[in-house]
C-alpha atoms as a PDB file:
ATOM      1  CA  ASN A   1       0.154   0.076   0.182  1.00  0.00           C
ATOM      2  CA  LYS A   2       1.014   3.421  -0.747  1.00  0.00           C
ATOM      3  CA  THR A   3       1.161   6.380   1.668  1.00  0.00           C
ATOM      4  CA  LEU A   4      -0.854   9.480   1.130  1.00  0.00           C
ATOM      5  CA  ALA A   5       2.416  11.469   0.553  1.00  0.00           C
ATOM      6  CA  GLU A   6       3.552   8.752  -2.126  1.00  0.00           C
ATOM      7  CA  THR A   7       0.456   8.748  -3.923  1.00  0.00           C
ATOM      8  CA  LEU A   8       0.321  12.711  -4.246  1.00  0.00           C
ATOM      9  CA  LYS A   9       3.965  12.741  -5.491  1.00  0.00           C
ATOM     10  CA  THR A  10       3.333  10.044  -8.109  1.00  0.00           C
ATOM     11  CA  ASN A  11      -0.373  12.078  -9.336  1.00  0.00           C
ATOM     12  CA  GLU A  12       2.083  15.629  -9.198  1.00  0.00           C
ATOM     13  CA  GLU A  13       4.608  14.027 -11.039  1.00  0.00           C
ATOM     14  CA  LYS A  14       1.729  12.511 -13.800  1.00  0.00           C
ATOM     15  CA  VAL A  15       0.620  16.077 -13.955  1.00  0.00           C
ATOM     16  CA  ARG A  16       3.780  17.916 -14.494  1.00  0.00           C
ATOM     17  CA  ALA A  17       4.833  15.195 -17.093  1.00  0.00           C
ATOM     18  CA  ALA A  18       1.371  16.238 -19.155  1.00  0.00           C
ATOM     19  CA  VAL A  19       1.562  19.589 -18.616  1.00  0.00           C
ATOM     20  CA  LYS A  20       5.318  19.355 -20.064  1.00  0.00           C
ATOM     21  CA  GLU A  21       3.685  17.209 -23.354  1.00  0.00           C
ATOM     22  CA  ILE A  22       0.743  19.759 -23.812  1.00  0.00           C
ATOM     23  CA  ASN A  23       3.335  22.750 -23.660  1.00  0.00           C
ATOM     24  CA  ASN A  24       5.352  20.854 -25.835  1.00  0.00           C
ATOM     25  CA  GLU A  25       2.361  20.581 -28.407  1.00  0.00           C
ATOM     26  CA  LEU A  26       1.527  23.914 -27.882  1.00  0.00           C
ATOM     27  CA  VAL A  27       4.748  25.436 -28.626  1.00  0.00           C
ATOM     28  CA  LYS A  28       3.986  24.295 -32.311  1.00  0.00           C
ATOM     29  CA  LEU A  29       0.752  26.540 -31.892  1.00  0.00           C
ATOM     30  CA  GLN A  30       2.628  29.482 -30.376  1.00  0.00           C
ATOM     31  CA  SER A  31       0.758  29.428 -27.337  1.00  0.00           C
ATOM     32  CA  GLU A  32       1.712  28.757 -23.942  1.00  0.00           C
ATOM     33  CA  LEU A  33      -0.847  26.398 -21.142  1.00  0.00           C
ATOM     34  CA  GLY A  34      -0.539  27.743 -17.238  1.00  0.00           C
ATOM     35  CA  PHE A  35      -1.735  26.216 -13.822  1.00  0.00           C
ATOM     36  CA  SER A  36      -2.501  27.755 -11.253  1.00  0.00           C
ATOM     37  CA  VAL A  37      -4.437  27.697  -7.930  1.00  0.00           C
ATOM     38  CA  ASP A  38      -7.384  30.427  -6.960  1.00  0.00           C
ATOM     39  CA  LYS A  39      -6.983  30.506  -3.204  1.00  0.00           C
ATOM     40  CA  VAL A  40     -10.413  31.885  -2.559  1.00  0.00           C
ATOM     41  CA  ALA A  41     -12.000  29.982  -4.873  1.00  0.00           C
ATOM     42  CA  ASN A  42     -10.208  27.092  -3.865  1.00  0.00           C
ATOM     43  CA  ASP A  43      -9.912  26.137  -8.047  1.00  0.00           C
ATOM     44  CA  VAL A  44      -7.423  25.254 -10.257  1.00  0.00           C
ATOM     45  CA  VAL A  45      -7.553  27.818 -12.491  1.00  0.00           C
ATOM     46  CA  VAL A  46      -6.335  26.794 -16.715  1.00  0.00           C
ATOM     47  CA  THR A  47      -4.908  29.704 -18.605  1.00  0.00           C
ATOM     48  CA  VAL A  48      -3.852  29.953 -22.472  1.00  0.00           C
ATOM     49  CA  LYS A  49      -1.739  32.527 -23.667  1.00  0.00           C
ATOM     50  CA  ARG A  50      -0.387  33.773 -26.903  1.00  0.00           C
ATOM     51  CA  LYS A  51       3.636  33.350 -26.652  1.00  0.00           C
ATOM     52  CA  GLU A  52       5.065  36.300 -28.071  1.00  0.00           C
ATOM     53  CA  SER A  53       2.510  39.137 -26.866  1.00  0.00           C
ATOM     54  CA  GLY A  54       1.546  37.344 -23.648  1.00  0.00           C
ATOM     55  CA  GLU A  55      -2.040  37.750 -24.588  1.00  0.00           C
ATOM     56  CA  LEU A  56      -4.773  35.898 -22.423  1.00  0.00           C
ATOM     57  CA  VAL A  57      -6.755  33.671 -24.891  1.00  0.00           C
ATOM     58  CA  ARG A  58      -8.656  31.734 -22.512  1.00  0.00           C
ATOM     59  CA  GLN A  59      -9.246  31.131 -19.414  1.00  0.00           C
ATOM     60  CA  ILE A  60     -10.736  28.018 -17.083  1.00  0.00           C
ATOM     61  CA  PRO A  61     -12.853  29.457 -14.911  1.00  0.00           C
ATOM     62  CA  SER A  62     -13.276  32.516 -16.314  1.00  0.00           C
ATOM     63  CA  GLU A  63     -12.505  35.845 -14.524  1.00  0.00           C
ATOM     64  CA  THR A  64     -16.184  36.233 -14.173  1.00  0.00           C
ATOM     65  CA  VAL A  65     -16.749  33.308 -12.661  1.00  0.00           C
ATOM     66  CA  LEU A  66     -13.679  33.879 -10.038  1.00  0.00           C
ATOM     67  CA  LYS A  67     -15.109  36.840  -9.267  1.00  0.00           C
ATOM     68  CA  LEU A  68     -18.361  35.531  -8.639  1.00  0.00           C
ATOM     69  CA  ALA A  69     -16.812  32.567  -6.409  1.00  0.00           C
ATOM     70  CA  HIS A  70     -14.888  35.589  -4.077  1.00  0.00           C
ATOM     71  CA  ASN A  71     -18.057  37.198  -3.891  1.00  0.00           C
ATOM     72  CA  PHE A  72     -19.958  34.694  -2.478  1.00  0.00           C
ATOM     73  CA  GLU A  73     -17.070  33.720  -0.103  1.00  0.00           C
ATOM     74  CA  LYS A  74     -17.424  37.720   1.008  1.00  0.00           C
ATOM     75  CA  LEU A  75     -21.070  37.345   1.143  1.00  0.00           C
ATOM     76  CA  LYS A  76     -20.936  34.243   3.455  1.00  0.00           C
ATOM     77  CA  GLY A  77     -18.092  35.679   6.017  1.00  0.00           C
ATOM     78  CA  ILE A  78     -20.772  38.673   6.124  1.00  0.00           C
ATOM     79  CA  LEU A  79     -23.989  35.879   6.877  1.00  0.00           C
ATOM     80  CA  LEU A  80     -21.949  34.020   9.362  1.00  0.00           C
ATOM     81  CA  ASP A  81     -20.409  37.163  10.838  1.00  0.00           C
ATOM     82  CA  GLU A  82     -24.109  38.691  11.186  1.00  0.00           C
ATOM     83  CA  SER A  83     -25.646  35.369  12.621  1.00  0.00           C
ATOM     84  CA  PHE A  84     -23.697  35.371  15.598  1.00  0.00           C
END
């Protein structure tokens, strides 16, 4: 049986290998793939940018969805503070 740490490390390595492979393909398209984590929404954000200009081509989830999630978190905090 693998420990949780070993499983997470294996999964991370697989993700890194997949990202590297995808980025190699995107180089041909003059695009760049990026991954980040939005800490407020607790969600992974994927971006596709034009390599030369840095122009954002696509973001998943969109900036609008992330702003909505941030506003819900603020509202949740306000509602919980007022209920006590």
